[in-house]
Amino acid sequence: ATASASSSSSARWQSESGRAAAVTDLTHAFREVLVTLLAVYGDRSCDVELSSSFLQAWEADPKRRFLLPGAVLAARLEAPEAGRSSVRVILRAVPLSSLS
């Protein structure tokens, strides 16, 4: 499944006296994010886990901001034998209408 996330950046409109405005960049753009569906509830909400590829791309660009639906639950998982750690991010109570 994929969920929509709103990516935020600055917006500027260039308007010239009475003529149509030209968009130079966007404030919010929707982006599909690969998720794993974990649970579906009777109130038409669900829990999803963000893909590791999305999290790695986001970590590589820390100035990038996203508005994600639902409540965020993050956990760092340690793997001492491998000397690595990973992060799992779960979004709780995401409206089913956010998934496609």
PDB file of N, CA and C in Angstrom:
ATOM      1  N   ALA A   1       0.846  -1.183   0.000  1.00  0.00           N
ATOM      2  CA  ALA A   1       0.000   0.000   0.000  1.00  0.00           C
ATOM      3  C   ALA A   1       0.886   1.239   0.000  1.00  0.00           C
ATOM      4  N   THR A   2       0.326   2.336  -0.410  1.00  0.00           N
ATOM      5  CA  THR A   2       1.035   3.603  -0.330  1.00  0.00           C
ATOM      6  C   THR A   2       0.167   4.605   0.399  1.00  0.00           C
ATOM      7  N   ALA A   3       0.804   5.503   1.110  1.00  0.00           N
ATOM      8  CA  ALA A   3       0.107   6.577   1.803  1.00  0.00           C
ATOM      9  C   ALA A   3       0.594   7.891   1.238  1.00  0.00           C
ATOM     10  N   SER A   4      -0.250   8.900   1.317  1.00  0.00           N
ATOM     11  CA  SER A   4       0.138  10.223   0.838  1.00  0.00           C
ATOM     12  C   SER A   4       0.739  11.027   1.963  1.00  0.00           C
ATOM     13  N   ALA A   5       1.848  11.669   1.700  1.00  0.00           N
ATOM     14  CA  ALA A   5       2.488  12.566   2.657  1.00  0.00           C
ATOM     15  C   ALA A   5       2.636  13.915   1.989  1.00  0.00           C
ATOM     16  N   SER A   6       2.419  14.949   2.736  1.00  0.00           N
ATOM     17  CA  SER A   6       2.550  16.294   2.201  1.00  0.00           C
ATOM     18  C   SER A   6       3.957  16.780   2.493  1.00  0.00           C
ATOM     19  N   SER A   7       4.651  17.194   1.446  1.00  0.00           N
ATOM     20  CA  SER A   7       6.000  17.714   1.577  1.00  0.00           C
ATOM     21  C   SER A   7       5.923  19.228   1.599  1.00  0.00           C
ATOM     22  N   SER A   8       6.594  19.840   2.545  1.00  0.00           N
ATOM     23  CA  SER A   8       6.488  21.280   2.711  1.00  0.00           C
ATOM     24  C   SER A   8       7.749  21.991   2.248  1.00  0.00           C
ATOM     25  N   SER A   9       7.554  23.077   1.526  1.00  0.00           N
ATOM     26  CA  SER A   9       8.635  23.969   1.133  1.00  0.00           C
ATOM     27  C   SER A   9       8.028  25.347   0.967  1.00  0.00           C
ATOM     28  N   SER A  10       8.843  26.338   0.691  1.00  0.00           N
ATOM     29  CA  SER A  10       8.299  27.688   0.580  1.00  0.00           C
ATOM     30  C   SER A  10       7.521  27.858  -0.715  1.00  0.00           C
ATOM     31  N   ALA A  11       6.582  28.817  -0.720  1.00  0.00           N
ATOM     32  CA  ALA A  11       5.793  29.100  -1.911  1.00  0.00           C
ATOM     33  C   ALA A  11       5.900  30.573  -2.254  1.00  0.00           C
ATOM     34  N   ARG A  12       5.959  30.859  -3.533  1.00  0.00           N
ATOM     35  CA  ARG A  12       6.002  32.243  -3.980  1.00  0.00           C
ATOM     36  C   ARG A  12       5.115  32.373  -5.202  1.00  0.00           C
ATOM     37  N   TRP A  13       4.283  33.366  -5.183  1.00  0.00           N
ATOM     38  CA  TRP A  13       3.440  33.673  -6.334  1.00  0.00           C
ATOM     39  C   TRP A  13       3.944  34.968  -6.926  1.00  0.00           C
ATOM     40  N   GLN A  14       4.078  35.017  -8.215  1.00  0.00           N
ATOM     41  CA  GLN A  14       4.457  36.256  -8.870  1.00  0.00           C
ATOM     42  C   GLN A  14       3.219  36.754  -9.608  1.00  0.00           C
ATOM     43  N   SER A  15       2.635  37.819  -9.112  1.00  0.00           N
ATOM     44  CA  SER A  15       1.441  38.369  -9.712  1.00  0.00           C
ATOM     45  C   SER A  15       1.745  39.723 -10.312  1.00  0.00           C
ATOM     46  N   GLU A  16       1.303  39.909 -11.516  1.00  0.00           N
ATOM     47  CA  GLU A  16       1.492  41.194 -12.177  1.00  0.00           C
ATOM     48  C   GLU A  16       0.122  41.804 -12.386  1.00  0.00           C
ATOM     49  N   SER A  17      -0.052  42.995 -11.955  1.00  0.00           N
ATOM     50  CA  SER A  17      -1.299  43.769 -11.973  1.00  0.00           C
ATOM     51  C   SER A  17      -2.400  43.206 -12.863  1.00  0.00           C
ATOM     52  N   GLY A  18      -3.252  42.402 -12.257  1.00  0.00           N
ATOM     53  CA  GLY A  18      -4.427  41.882 -12.939  1.00  0.00           C
ATOM     54  C   GLY A  18      -4.208  40.673 -13.826  1.00  0.00           C
ATOM     55  N   ARG A  19      -2.999  40.317 -14.108  1.00  0.00           N
ATOM     56  CA  ARG A  19      -2.744  39.147 -14.949  1.00  0.00           C
ATOM     57  C   ARG A  19      -2.678  37.889 -14.096  1.00  0.00           C
ATOM     58  N   ALA A  20      -2.743  36.753 -14.738  1.00  0.00           N
ATOM     59  CA  ALA A  20      -2.676  35.476 -14.025  1.00  0.00           C
ATOM     60  C   ALA A  20      -1.349  35.356 -13.277  1.00  0.00           C
ATOM     61  N   ALA A  21      -1.416  34.745 -12.098  1.00  0.00           N
ATOM     62  CA  ALA A  21      -0.215  34.548 -11.290  1.00  0.00           C
ATOM     63  C   ALA A  21       0.563  33.344 -11.795  1.00  0.00           C
ATOM     64  N   ALA A  22       1.866  33.436 -11.720  1.00  0.00           N
ATOM     65  CA  ALA A  22       2.729  32.312 -12.101  1.00  0.00           C
ATOM     66  C   ALA A  22       3.289  31.684 -10.832  1.00  0.00           C
ATOM     67  N   VAL A  23       3.213  30.377 -10.720  1.00  0.00           N
ATOM     68  CA  VAL A  23       3.729  29.655  -9.566  1.00  0.00           C
ATOM     69  C   VAL A  23       5.212  29.392  -9.792  1.00  0.00           C
ATOM     70  N   THR A  24       6.046  29.828  -8.851  1.00  0.00           N
ATOM     71  CA  THR A  24       7.480  29.595  -8.985  1.00  0.00           C
ATOM     72  C   THR A  24       7.934  28.381  -8.181  1.00  0.00           C
ATOM     73  N   ASP A  25       7.259  28.059  -7.087  1.00  0.00           N
ATOM     74  CA  ASP A  25       7.486  26.808  -6.364  1.00  0.00           C
ATOM     75  C   ASP A  25       6.292  26.535  -5.470  1.00  0.00           C
ATOM     76  N   LEU A  26       6.196  25.326  -4.930  1.00  0.00           N
ATOM     77  CA  LEU A  26       5.014  24.874  -4.200  1.00  0.00           C
ATOM     78  C   LEU A  26       5.223  24.872  -2.696  1.00  0.00           C
ATOM     79  N   THR A  27       4.140  25.147  -1.977  1.00  0.00           N
ATOM     80  CA  THR A  27       4.154  25.052  -0.521  1.00  0.00           C
ATOM     81  C   THR A  27       3.981  23.598  -0.093  1.00  0.00           C
ATOM     82  N   HIS A  28       3.027  22.925  -0.692  1.00  0.00           N
ATOM     83  CA  HIS A  28       2.727  21.540  -0.327  1.00  0.00           C
ATOM     84  C   HIS A  28       2.576  20.719  -1.597  1.00  0.00           C
ATOM     85  N   ALA A  29       3.232  19.617  -1.639  1.00  0.00           N
ATOM     86  CA  ALA A  29       3.107  18.674  -2.740  1.00  0.00           C
ATOM     87  C   ALA A  29       2.881  17.298  -2.124  1.00  0.00           C
ATOM     88  N   PHE A  30       1.999  16.522  -2.710  1.00  0.00           N
ATOM     89  CA  PHE A  30       1.736  15.205  -2.164  1.00  0.00           C
ATOM     90  C   PHE A  30       2.651  14.190  -2.810  1.00  0.00           C
ATOM     91  N   ARG A  31       3.136  13.308  -1.993  1.00  0.00           N
ATOM     92  CA  ARG A  31       4.082  12.295  -2.445  1.00  0.00           C
ATOM     93  C   ARG A  31       3.610  10.949  -1.931  1.00  0.00           C
ATOM     94  N   GLU A  32       3.708   9.934  -2.746  1.00  0.00           N
ATOM     95  CA  GLU A  32       3.352   8.596  -2.302  1.00  0.00           C
ATOM     96  C   GLU A  32       4.523   7.998  -1.546  1.00  0.00           C
ATOM     97  N   VAL A  33       4.205   7.345  -0.439  1.00  0.00           N
ATOM     98  CA  VAL A  33       5.202   6.715   0.421  1.00  0.00           C
ATOM     99  C   VAL A  33       4.831   5.249   0.560  1.00  0.00           C
ATOM    100  N   LEU A  34       5.779   4.367   0.288  1.00  0.00           N
ATOM    101  CA  LEU A  34       5.535   2.942   0.424  1.00  0.00           C
ATOM    102  C   LEU A  34       5.406   2.590   1.898  1.00  0.00           C
ATOM    103  N   VAL A  35       4.307   1.904   2.251  1.00  0.00           N
ATOM    104  CA  VAL A  35       4.060   1.504   3.635  1.00  0.00           C
ATOM    105  C   VAL A  35       3.628   0.041   3.676  1.00  0.00           C
ATOM    106  N   THR A  36       3.726  -0.540   4.859  1.00  0.00           N
ATOM    107  CA  THR A  36       3.194  -1.873   5.102  1.00  0.00           C
ATOM    108  C   THR A  36       1.973  -1.723   5.977  1.00  0.00           C
ATOM    109  N   LEU A  37       0.850  -2.265   5.531  1.00  0.00           N
ATOM    110  CA  LEU A  37      -0.393  -2.200   6.292  1.00  0.00           C
ATOM    111  C   LEU A  37      -0.323  -3.209   7.435  1.00  0.00           C
ATOM    112  N   LEU A  38      -0.461  -2.726   8.664  1.00  0.00           N
ATOM    113  CA  LEU A  38      -0.349  -3.590   9.837  1.00  0.00           C
ATOM    114  C   LEU A  38      -1.695  -3.987  10.424  1.00  0.00           C
ATOM    115  N   ALA A  39      -2.659  -3.058  10.433  1.00  0.00           N
ATOM    116  CA  ALA A  39      -3.965  -3.333  11.032  1.00  0.00           C
ATOM    117  C   ALA A  39      -5.002  -2.395  10.449  1.00  0.00           C
ATOM    118  N   VAL A  40      -6.250  -2.891  10.376  1.00  0.00           N
ATOM    119  CA  VAL A  40      -7.383  -2.088   9.927  1.00  0.00           C
ATOM    120  C   VAL A  40      -8.442  -2.151  11.021  1.00  0.00           C
ATOM    121  N   TYR A  41      -9.055  -0.996  11.326  1.00  0.00           N
ATOM    122  CA  TYR A  41     -10.030  -0.897  12.406  1.00  0.00           C
ATOM    123  C   TYR A  41     -11.409  -0.541  11.871  1.00  0.00           C
ATOM    124  N   GLY A  42     -12.435  -0.814  12.669  1.00  0.00           N
ATOM    125  CA  GLY A  42     -13.825  -0.584  12.285  1.00  0.00           C
ATOM    126  C   GLY A  42     -14.164   0.878  12.051  1.00  0.00           C
ATOM    127  N   ASP A  43     -13.383   1.785  12.592  1.00  0.00           N
ATOM    128  CA  ASP A  43     -13.655   3.215  12.394  1.00  0.00           C
ATOM    129  C   ASP A  43     -13.023   3.746  11.109  1.00  0.00           C
ATOM    130  N   ARG A  44     -12.619   2.838  10.212  1.00  0.00           N
ATOM    131  CA  ARG A  44     -12.010   3.155   8.921  1.00  0.00           C
ATOM    132  C   ARG A  44     -10.652   3.833   9.072  1.00  0.00           C
ATOM    133  N   SER A  45      -9.921   3.415  10.114  1.00  0.00           N
ATOM    134  CA  SER A  45      -8.536   3.854  10.289  1.00  0.00           C
ATOM    135  C   SER A  45      -7.648   2.620  10.235  1.00  0.00           C
ATOM    136  N   CYS A  46      -6.348   2.839  10.143  1.00  0.00           N
ATOM    137  CA  CYS A  46      -5.420   1.716  10.075  1.00  0.00           C
ATOM    138  C   CYS A  46      -4.078   2.123  10.655  1.00  0.00           C
ATOM    139  N   ASP A  47      -3.239   1.136  10.896  1.00  0.00           N
ATOM    140  CA  ASP A  47      -1.861   1.353  11.319  1.00  0.00           C
ATOM    141  C   ASP A  47      -0.963   0.898  10.172  1.00  0.00           C
ATOM    142  N   VAL A  48       0.056   1.690   9.871  1.00  0.00           N
ATOM    143  CA  VAL A  48       0.992   1.353   8.794  1.00  0.00           C
ATOM    144  C   VAL A  48       2.417   1.573   9.279  1.00  0.00           C
ATOM    145  N   GLU A  49       3.356   0.881   8.641  1.00  0.00           N
ATOM    146  CA  GLU A  49       4.779   1.084   8.924  1.00  0.00           C
ATOM    147  C   GLU A  49       5.426   1.700   7.687  1.00  0.00           C
ATOM    148  N   LEU A  50       6.196   2.771   7.891  1.00  0.00           N
ATOM    149  CA  LEU A  50       6.897   3.420   6.782  1.00  0.00           C
ATOM    150  C   LEU A  50       8.014   2.509   6.283  1.00  0.00           C
ATOM    151  N   SER A  51       8.238   2.506   4.977  1.00  0.00           N
ATOM    152  CA  SER A  51       9.282   1.660   4.401  1.00  0.00           C
ATOM    153  C   SER A  51      10.667   2.158   4.796  1.00  0.00           C
ATOM    154  N   SER A  52      11.606   1.236   4.898  1.00  0.00           N
ATOM    155  CA  SER A  52      12.976   1.605   5.253  1.00  0.00           C
ATOM    156  C   SER A  52      13.620   2.453   4.161  1.00  0.00           C
ATOM    157  N   SER A  53      13.247   2.235   2.894  1.00  0.00           N
ATOM    158  CA  SER A  53      13.821   3.042   1.809  1.00  0.00           C
ATOM    159  C   SER A  53      13.388   4.506   1.935  1.00  0.00           C
ATOM    160  N   PHE A  54      12.142   4.760   2.324  1.00  0.00           N
ATOM    161  CA  PHE A  54      11.675   6.135   2.548  1.00  0.00           C
ATOM    162  C   PHE A  54      12.428   6.758   3.714  1.00  0.00           C
ATOM    163  N   LEU A  55      12.595   5.997   4.803  1.00  0.00           N
ATOM    164  CA  LEU A  55      13.290   6.520   5.984  1.00  0.00           C
ATOM    165  C   LEU A  55      14.754   6.839   5.676  1.00  0.00           C
ATOM    166  N   GLN A  56      15.409   5.997   4.889  1.00  0.00           N
ATOM    167  CA  GLN A  56      16.813   6.249   4.521  1.00  0.00           C
ATOM    168  C   GLN A  56      16.932   7.499   3.659  1.00  0.00           C
ATOM    169  N   ALA A  57      16.020   7.675   2.715  1.00  0.00           N
ATOM    170  CA  ALA A  57      16.050   8.868   1.858  1.00  0.00           C
ATOM    171  C   ALA A  57      15.786  10.119   2.682  1.00  0.00           C
ATOM    172  N   TRP A  58      14.881  10.029   3.641  1.00  0.00           N
ATOM    173  CA  TRP A  58      14.566  11.167   4.498  1.00  0.00           C
ATOM    174  C   TRP A  58      15.749  11.504   5.402  1.00  0.00           C
ATOM    175  N   GLU A  59      16.426  10.474   5.918  1.00  0.00           N
ATOM    176  CA  GLU A  59      17.592  10.674   6.776  1.00  0.00           C
ATOM    177  C   GLU A  59      18.736  11.343   5.992  1.00  0.00           C
ATOM    178  N   ALA A  60      18.827  11.032   4.711  1.00  0.00           N
ATOM    179  CA  ALA A  60      19.884  11.626   3.881  1.00  0.00           C
ATOM    180  C   ALA A  60      19.630  13.108   3.597  1.00  0.00           C
ATOM    181  N   ASP A  61      18.380  13.557   3.769  1.00  0.00           N
ATOM    182  CA  ASP A  61      18.020  14.960   3.522  1.00  0.00           C
ATOM    183  C   ASP A  61      17.243  15.472   4.732  1.00  0.00           C
ATOM    184  N   PRO A  62      17.930  15.735   5.855  1.00  0.00           N
ATOM    185  CA  PRO A  62      17.244  16.072   7.111  1.00  0.00           C
ATOM    186  C   PRO A  62      16.464  17.384   7.078  1.00  0.00           C
ATOM    187  N   LYS A  63      16.723  18.256   6.110  1.00  0.00           N
ATOM    188  CA  LYS A  63      15.963  19.506   6.027  1.00  0.00           C
ATOM    189  C   LYS A  63      14.583  19.302   5.412  1.00  0.00           C
ATOM    190  N   ARG A  64      14.382  18.172   4.798  1.00  0.00           N
ATOM    191  CA  ARG A  64      13.091  17.850   4.167  1.00  0.00           C
ATOM    192  C   ARG A  64      12.068  17.606   5.247  1.00  0.00           C
ATOM    193  N   ARG A  65      10.903  18.226   5.123  1.00  0.00           N
ATOM    194  CA  ARG A  65       9.850  18.059   6.118  1.00  0.00           C
ATOM    195  C   ARG A  65       8.643  17.401   5.474  1.00  0.00           C
ATOM    196  N   PHE A  66       7.973  16.540   6.236  1.00  0.00           N
ATOM    197  CA  PHE A  66       6.769  15.869   5.769  1.00  0.00           C
ATOM    198  C   PHE A  66       5.681  15.999   6.816  1.00  0.00           C
ATOM    199  N   LEU A  67       4.458  16.140   6.361  1.00  0.00           N
ATOM    200  CA  LEU A  67       3.302  16.101   7.226  1.00  0.00           C
ATOM    201  C   LEU A  67       2.652  14.746   6.990  1.00  0.00           C
ATOM    202  N   LEU A  68       2.766  13.870   7.974  1.00  0.00           N
ATOM    203  CA  LEU A  68       2.285  12.505   7.836  1.00  0.00           C
ATOM    204  C   LEU A  68       0.965  12.343   8.584  1.00  0.00           C
ATOM    205  N   PRO A  69       0.030  11.584   8.026  1.00  0.00           N
ATOM    206  CA  PRO A  69      -1.238  11.362   8.730  1.00  0.00           C
ATOM    207  C   PRO A  69      -1.047  10.401   9.898  1.00  0.00           C
ATOM    208  N   GLY A  70      -1.891  10.513  10.912  1.00  0.00           N
ATOM    209  CA  GLY A  70      -1.854   9.589  12.046  1.00  0.00           C
ATOM    210  C   GLY A  70      -0.889  10.022  13.130  1.00  0.00           C
ATOM    211  N   ALA A  71      -0.792   9.184  14.136  1.00  0.00           N
ATOM    212  CA  ALA A  71       0.107   9.416  15.270  1.00  0.00           C
ATOM    213  C   ALA A  71       1.384   8.610  15.047  1.00  0.00           C
ATOM    214  N   VAL A  72       2.528   9.247  15.240  1.00  0.00           N
ATOM    215  CA  VAL A  72       3.821   8.614  14.960  1.00  0.00           C
ATOM    216  C   VAL A  72       4.323   7.845  16.170  1.00  0.00           C
ATOM    217  N   LEU A  73       4.725   6.604  15.944  1.00  0.00           N
ATOM    218  CA  LEU A  73       5.353   5.771  16.961  1.00  0.00           C
ATOM    219  C   LEU A  73       6.671   5.290  16.359  1.00  0.00           C
ATOM    220  N   ALA A  74       7.793   5.727  16.930  1.00  0.00           N
ATOM    221  CA  ALA A  74       9.104   5.353  16.395  1.00  0.00           C
ATOM    222  C   ALA A  74       9.860   4.537  17.430  1.00  0.00           C
ATOM    223  N   ALA A  75      10.597   3.538  16.962  1.00  0.00           N
ATOM    224  CA  ALA A  75      11.400   2.710  17.854  1.00  0.00           C
ATOM    225  C   ALA A  75      12.724   2.389  17.180  1.00  0.00           C
ATOM    226  N   ARG A  76      13.809   2.515  17.930  1.00  0.00           N
ATOM    227  CA  ARG A  76      15.126   2.146  17.421  1.00  0.00           C
ATOM    228  C   ARG A  76      15.403   0.713  17.850  1.00  0.00           C
ATOM    229  N   LEU A  77      15.738  -0.126  16.898  1.00  0.00           N
ATOM    230  CA  LEU A  77      16.034  -1.529  17.165  1.00  0.00           C
ATOM    231  C   LEU A  77      17.538  -1.728  17.080  1.00  0.00           C
ATOM    232  N   GLU A  78      18.118  -2.233  18.124  1.00  0.00           N
ATOM    233  CA  GLU A  78      19.561  -2.462  18.171  1.00  0.00           C
ATOM    234  C   GLU A  78      19.865  -3.906  17.784  1.00  0.00           C
ATOM    235  N   ALA A  79      20.903  -4.085  17.009  1.00  0.00           N
ATOM    236  CA  ALA A  79      21.379  -5.413  16.631  1.00  0.00           C
ATOM    237  C   ALA A  79      22.851  -5.486  17.010  1.00  0.00           C
ATOM    238  N   PRO A  80      23.149  -5.740  18.310  1.00  0.00           N
ATOM    239  CA  PRO A  80      24.535  -5.696  18.777  1.00  0.00           C
ATOM    240  C   PRO A  80      25.459  -6.671  18.045  1.00  0.00           C
ATOM    241  N   GLU A  81      24.945  -7.836  17.658  1.00  0.00           N
ATOM    242  CA  GLU A  81      25.803  -8.807  16.984  1.00  0.00           C
ATOM    243  C   GLU A  81      26.245  -8.297  15.617  1.00  0.00           C
ATOM    244  N   ALA A  82      25.424  -7.452  14.990  1.00  0.00           N
ATOM    245  CA  ALA A  82      25.785  -6.903  13.681  1.00  0.00           C
ATOM    246  C   ALA A  82      26.406  -5.516  13.823  1.00  0.00           C
ATOM    247  N   GLY A  83      26.352  -4.953  15.026  1.00  0.00           N
ATOM    248  CA  GLY A  83      26.891  -3.627  15.242  1.00  0.00           C
ATOM    249  C   GLY A  83      26.091  -2.536  14.554  1.00  0.00           C
ATOM    250  N   ARG A  84      24.809  -2.806  14.335  1.00  0.00           N
ATOM    251  CA  ARG A  84      23.956  -1.852  13.620  1.00  0.00           C
ATOM    252  C   ARG A  84      22.668  -1.606  14.389  1.00  0.00           C
ATOM    253  N   SER A  85      22.034  -0.520  14.055  1.00  0.00           N
ATOM    254  CA  SER A  85      20.706  -0.262  14.586  1.00  0.00           C
ATOM    255  C   SER A  85      19.809   0.169  13.442  1.00  0.00           C
ATOM    256  N   SER A  86      18.537   0.008  13.619  1.00  0.00           N
ATOM    257  CA  SER A  86      17.577   0.441  12.605  1.00  0.00           C
ATOM    258  C   SER A  86      16.406   1.094  13.315  1.00  0.00           C
ATOM    259  N   VAL A  87      15.646   1.840  12.567  1.00  0.00           N
ATOM    260  CA  VAL A  87      14.495   2.535  13.115  1.00  0.00           C
ATOM    261  C   VAL A  87      13.250   2.020  12.421  1.00  0.00           C
ATOM    262  N   ARG A  88      12.225   1.757  13.204  1.00  0.00           N
ATOM    263  CA  ARG A  88      10.902   1.419  12.673  1.00  0.00           C
ATOM    264  C   ARG A  88       9.989   2.577  13.010  1.00  0.00           C
ATOM    265  N   VAL A  89       9.233   3.044  12.033  1.00  0.00           N
ATOM    266  CA  VAL A  89       8.280   4.121  12.256  1.00  0.00           C
ATOM    267  C   VAL A  89       6.899   3.619  11.869  1.00  0.00           C
ATOM    268  N   ILE A  90       6.003   3.660  12.843  1.00  0.00           N
ATOM    269  CA  ILE A  90       4.623   3.217  12.643  1.00  0.00           C
ATOM    270  C   ILE A  90       3.717   4.426  12.781  1.00  0.00           C
ATOM    271  N   LEU A  91       2.775   4.547  11.855  1.00  0.00           N
ATOM    272  CA  LEU A  91       1.759   5.586  11.929  1.00  0.00           C
ATOM    273  C   LEU A  91       0.468   4.919  12.386  1.00  0.00           C
ATOM    274  N   ARG A  92      -0.082   5.393  13.486  1.00  0.00           N
ATOM    275  CA  ARG A  92      -1.301   4.820  14.046  1.00  0.00           C
ATOM    276  C   ARG A  92      -2.497   5.706  13.704  1.00  0.00           C
ATOM    277  N   ALA A  93      -3.652   5.085  13.550  1.00  0.00           N
ATOM    278  CA  ALA A  93      -4.923   5.765  13.295  1.00  0.00           C
ATOM    279  C   ALA A  93      -4.881   6.610  12.014  1.00  0.00           C
ATOM    280  N   VAL A  94      -4.308   6.045  10.977  1.00  0.00           N
ATOM    281  CA  VAL A  94      -4.270   6.701   9.658  1.00  0.00           C
ATOM    282  C   VAL A  94      -5.610   6.451   8.975  1.00  0.00           C
ATOM    283  N   PRO A  95      -6.252   7.491   8.444  1.00  0.00           N
ATOM    284  CA  PRO A  95      -7.509   7.267   7.721  1.00  0.00           C
ATOM    285  C   PRO A  95      -7.286   6.358   6.504  1.00  0.00           C
ATOM    286  N   LEU A  96      -8.141   5.386   6.328  1.00  0.00           N
ATOM    287  CA  LEU A  96      -8.010   4.480   5.174  1.00  0.00           C
ATOM    288  C   LEU A  96      -8.040   5.257   3.858  1.00  0.00           C
ATOM    289  N   SER A  97      -8.715   6.381   3.844  1.00  0.00           N
ATOM    290  CA  SER A  97      -8.787   7.180   2.621  1.00  0.00           C
ATOM    291  C   SER A  97      -7.422   7.732   2.212  1.00  0.00           C
ATOM    292  N   SER A  98      -6.423   7.692   3.109  1.00  0.00           N
ATOM    293  CA  SER A  98      -5.076   8.144   2.786  1.00  0.00           C
ATOM    294  C   SER A  98      -4.283   7.103   2.021  1.00  0.00           C
ATOM    295  N   LEU A  99      -4.782   5.874   1.970  1.00  0.00           N
ATOM    296  CA  LEU A  99      -4.070   4.790   1.287  1.00  0.00           C
ATOM    297  C   LEU A  99      -4.606   4.592  -0.125  1.00  0.00           C
ATOM    298  N   SER A 100      -3.709   4.152  -0.989  1.00  0.00           N
ATOM    299  CA  SER A 100      -4.149   3.806  -2.349  1.00  0.00           C
ATOM    300  C   SER A 100      -3.524   2.494  -2.759  1.00  0.00           C
TER     301      SER A 100
END
